[in-house]
Protein backbone atom coordinates (compact mmCIF):
# COMPACT_ATOMS: atom_id res chain seq x y z
CA UNK A 1 -22.93 6.88 -5.83
CA UNK A 2 -21.31 6.23 -2.09
CA UNK A 3 -19.35 4.48 0.64
CA UNK A 4 -20.22 1.36 1.95
CA UNK A 5 -17.93 0.44 5.07
CA UNK A 6 -17.42 -1.77 8.10
CA UNK A 7 -20.22 -3.77 8.01
CA UNK A 8 -21.33 -7.24 7.57
CA UNK A 9 -23.88 -7.92 4.26
CA UNK A 10 -25.08 -11.66 4.47
CA UNK A 11 -27.99 -13.67 2.48
CA UNK A 12 -28.72 -11.14 0.09
CA UNK A 13 -29.89 -11.64 -3.36
CA UNK A 14 -29.17 -8.57 -5.13
CA UNK A 15 -28.97 -9.97 -8.84
CA UNK A 16 -29.03 -7.36 -11.78
CA UNK A 17 -28.01 -4.27 -9.82
CA UNK A 18 -26.15 -1.19 -10.81
CA UNK A 19 -23.34 0.38 -8.54
CA UNK A 20 -21.74 3.62 -10.13
CA UNK A 21 -19.02 5.54 -8.26
CA UNK A 22 -19.65 3.22 -4.94
CA UNK A 23 -16.58 2.55 -2.24
CA UNK A 24 -16.95 -0.82 -0.38
CA UNK A 25 -14.54 -0.78 2.33
CA UNK A 26 -13.87 -3.26 4.89
CA UNK A 27 -17.29 -5.22 4.06
CA UNK A 28 -17.67 -8.79 4.44
CA UNK A 29 -20.04 -10.35 1.79
CA UNK A 30 -21.24 -13.32 3.05
CA UNK A 31 -24.03 -15.66 0.77
CA UNK A 32 -24.44 -12.91 -1.37
CA UNK A 33 -25.73 -12.91 -4.89
CA UNK A 34 -24.77 -10.05 -7.07
CA UNK A 35 -25.09 -12.21 -10.15
CA UNK A 36 -25.81 -9.81 -13.34
CA UNK A 37 -24.60 -7.00 -11.60
CA UNK A 38 -23.17 -3.86 -13.23
CA UNK A 39 -20.37 -2.09 -11.60
CA UNK A 40 -18.84 1.05 -13.23
CA UNK A 41 -16.05 3.20 -10.97
CA UNK A 42 -16.44 0.97 -7.58
CA UNK A 43 -13.41 0.25 -5.76
CA UNK A 44 -13.60 -3.03 -3.25
CA UNK A 45 -11.04 -2.16 -0.53
CA UNK A 46 -9.96 -4.86 2.73
CA UNK A 47 -13.01 -6.34 1.57
CA UNK A 48 -13.87 -10.07 2.14
CA UNK A 49 -15.85 -11.00 -1.04
CA UNK A 50 -15.51 -14.90 -0.88
CA UNK A 51 -17.68 -17.16 -2.45
CA UNK A 52 -19.76 -14.12 -3.88
CA UNK A 53 -21.73 -14.89 -6.81
CA UNK A 54 -20.45 -12.24 -9.41
CA UNK A 55 -21.66 -14.78 -12.38
CA UNK A 56 -22.07 -12.78 -15.87
CA UNK A 57 -21.50 -9.35 -13.91
CA UNK A 58 -20.50 -6.54 -16.32
CA UNK A 59 -17.74 -4.59 -14.42
CA UNK A 60 -15.45 -1.19 -15.85
CA UNK A 61 -13.26 0.42 -13.99
CA UNK A 62 -13.36 -1.29 -11.09
CA UNK A 63 -10.79 -2.14 -8.40
CA UNK A 64 -10.07 -4.83 -5.85
CA UNK A 65 -7.43 -3.71 -3.61
CA UNK A 66 -6.38 -5.64 -0.49
CA UNK A 67 -9.46 -8.21 -0.87
CA UNK A 68 -10.30 -11.70 0.15
CA UNK A 69 -11.76 -13.04 -3.00
CA UNK A 70 -11.15 -17.30 -2.18
CA UNK A 71 -13.96 -19.10 -4.51
CA UNK A 72 -15.35 -15.92 -5.80
CA UNK A 73 -17.48 -16.95 -8.83
CA UNK A 74 -16.85 -14.53 -12.03
CA UNK A 75 -17.89 -17.29 -14.51
CA UNK A 76 -19.31 -15.54 -17.69
CA UNK A 77 -18.28 -12.07 -16.62
CA UNK A 78 -16.97 -9.01 -18.44
CA UNK A 79 -14.34 -7.47 -17.11
CA UNK A 80 -12.70 -4.21 -18.48
CA UNK A 81 -10.02 -1.92 -16.82
CA UNK A 82 -10.36 -4.04 -13.67
CA UNK A 83 -7.20 -4.36 -11.08
CA UNK A 84 -6.86 -6.89 -8.84
CA UNK A 85 -4.30 -5.69 -6.33
CA UNK A 86 -2.93 -7.81 -3.39
CA UNK A 87 -5.89 -10.16 -3.73
CA UNK A 88 -6.20 -13.67 -2.25
CA UNK A 89 -8.22 -15.43 -4.70
CA UNK A 90 -7.36 -19.09 -4.63
CA UNK A 91 -9.84 -21.18 -6.28
CA UNK A 92 -11.77 -18.00 -7.78
CA UNK A 93 -14.05 -19.12 -10.67
CA UNK A 94 -13.16 -16.95 -14.13
CA UNK A 95 -14.21 -19.79 -16.07
CA UNK A 96 -15.66 -18.01 -19.84
CA UNK A 97 -14.77 -14.48 -18.64
CA UNK A 98 -14.00 -11.97 -20.93
CA UNK A 99 -10.98 -9.92 -19.79
CA UNK A 100 -9.67 -6.87 -21.36
CA UNK A 101 -7.24 -4.23 -19.93
CA UNK A 102 -7.21 -6.51 -16.56
CA UNK A 103 -4.33 -6.60 -13.99
CA UNK A 104 -3.43 -9.15 -11.03
CA UNK A 105 -0.80 -7.94 -9.30
CA UNK A 106 1.05 -9.34 -5.87
CA UNK A 107 -1.83 -11.50 -5.99
CA UNK A 108 -2.76 -15.54 -5.01
CA UNK A 109 -5.01 -17.24 -7.54
CA UNK A 110 -3.81 -20.80 -7.00
CA UNK A 111 -6.54 -23.20 -8.19
CA UNK A 112 -8.35 -20.92 -10.01
CA UNK A 113 -10.10 -21.38 -13.07
CA UNK A 114 -10.04 -19.43 -15.90
CA UNK A 115 -10.88 -22.11 -18.95
CA UNK A 116 -12.27 -20.88 -21.94
CA UNK A 117 -11.39 -17.48 -21.30
CA UNK A 118 -10.87 -14.93 -23.25
CA UNK A 119 -7.58 -12.47 -22.15
CA UNK A 120 -6.93 -9.13 -23.71
CA UNK A 121 -4.27 -7.23 -22.51
CA UNK A 122 -3.96 -8.79 -19.54
CA UNK A 123 -1.45 -8.39 -16.85
CA UNK A 124 0.03 -10.83 -14.13
CA UNK A 125 3.06 -9.43 -12.27
CA UNK A 126 3.91 -10.99 -8.99
CA UNK A 127 1.24 -13.09 -8.39
CA UNK A 128 0.60 -17.04 -7.25
CA UNK A 129 -0.78 -18.89 -10.22
CA UNK A 130 0.15 -22.37 -8.91
CA UNK A 131 -2.15 -25.14 -10.39
CA UNK A 132 -4.49 -22.15 -12.22
CA UNK A 133 -6.33 -24.00 -15.22
CA UNK A 134 -6.11 -22.00 -18.73
CA UNK A 135 -7.11 -24.74 -20.78
CA UNK A 136 -8.77 -23.25 -23.67
CA UNK A 137 -7.62 -19.57 -23.21
CA UNK A 138 -4.85 -18.22 -25.37
CA UNK A 139 -2.04 -17.00 -23.87
CA UNK A 140 -0.28 -14.79 -26.70
CA UNK A 141 1.13 -11.92 -25.40
CA UNK A 142 0.12 -12.38 -21.53
CA UNK A 143 3.35 -12.53 -19.77
CA UNK A 144 3.85 -14.80 -16.61
CA UNK A 145 7.47 -14.25 -16.56
CA UNK A 146 7.23 -12.42 -12.62
CA UNK A 147 4.60 -15.04 -11.48
CA UNK A 148 5.21 -17.97 -9.61
CA UNK A 149 4.17 -21.69 -10.19
CA UNK A 150 4.92 -25.24 -10.83
CA UNK A 151 2.26 -26.45 -12.39
CA UNK A 152 -0.53 -24.93 -14.91
CA UNK A 153 -3.44 -26.26 -17.22
CA UNK A 154 -2.40 -25.79 -20.18
CA UNK A 155 -2.59 -27.13 -24.01
CA UNK A 156 0.02 -26.63 -26.25
CA UNK A 157 -2.13 -24.55 -28.77
CA UNK A 158 -2.78 -22.32 -25.23
CA UNK A 159 0.75 -21.30 -24.60
CA UNK A 160 1.82 -20.31 -28.34
CA UNK A 161 3.10 -16.58 -27.85
CA UNK A 162 3.10 -16.63 -23.83
CA UNK A 163 5.71 -14.50 -22.45
CA UNK A 164 7.69 -16.62 -19.53
CA UNK A 165 10.88 -16.80 -17.86
CA UNK A 166 13.88 -18.84 -18.80
CA UNK A 167 12.80 -21.35 -15.74
CA UNK A 168 9.32 -21.36 -16.68
CA UNK A 169 10.20 -22.17 -20.39
CA UNK A 170 11.48 -25.19 -19.08
CA UNK A 171 8.89 -26.76 -17.50
CA UNK A 172 6.59 -25.84 -20.54
CA UNK A 173 8.75 -27.85 -22.80
CA UNK A 174 7.32 -30.88 -20.98
CA UNK A 175 4.34 -30.18 -23.05
CA UNK A 176 6.65 -30.75 -26.20
CA UNK A 177 7.55 -33.95 -24.96
CA UNK A 178 11.22 -32.49 -24.63
CA UNK A 179 13.53 -34.29 -22.56
CA UNK A 180 16.06 -31.44 -20.86
CA UNK A 181 19.51 -33.30 -20.02
CA UNK A 182 21.21 -31.18 -17.50
């Protein structure tokens, strides 16, 4: 329990550590390995977590607010009740992530990778999903209608039951081989 603020943590390996009720504020993590980390009731605010290894992490009740998470590695992580609010997360690795009650709000996830992830009660709102990879990830019940993208990686099976805007539906129709005559 505590607050870690206004510092740079560099070249650290802290695999399989546990944080409970910790606030990270204005912290820059460089070349840090937090693989296998477990977090409960943790807040990251205005932090730079770019390229940090959070692979196989378990996160409960975690908030990332106004954070730079470019290239963050969350591969194989378990996320429960996690909020990403106003985060810059292009090229983030969410491959094989198990998400339940996770919200991405006002965030950029361009070129992020959610390949073969499990998304249950996951919300994407007002976010950039340009060229996001969602192949092998079931999107039934996932609402992408307020998000921006021209291209995303999905299969026909992935998008069944996905909620999209009318403009997005036109783009998705190409998956089915439809030709739309305007």
